Amino acid sequence: MSRPVVDYSKGLRRKLAGGKTLDQAFSELRAEGASIFDCIATVRTFHRCSLEEAKQRVESSPTWADVRERTEKSYRALSNDDGHGS
């Protein structure tokens, strides 16, 4: 069972105000237990941007490169599947 998405906007604001880059802030949020979905929701709230823009900002971060690579591999595997399970 998955947990609800957590908004870390206040933590992100503190980290950025403290001089951290966005990538450093993502890294710290991840170390604190934030998921990629939490970070996307946080960026969307913090920057008041679209889901697509928030997703792009988070997925382009080196902090989430491992997740991005796994996701891309999964999408490629699905797109190569002919849908018949063979």
Foldseek 3Di string as FASTA:
>chain_A
DDDDADACQVQQVVCVVVPDDNLRSLLVVVVVPHDLSNQLVNCCVNVVDDSVVSNVVSCVRPSCVVVNVVVVVVVVVVVPDPPPND
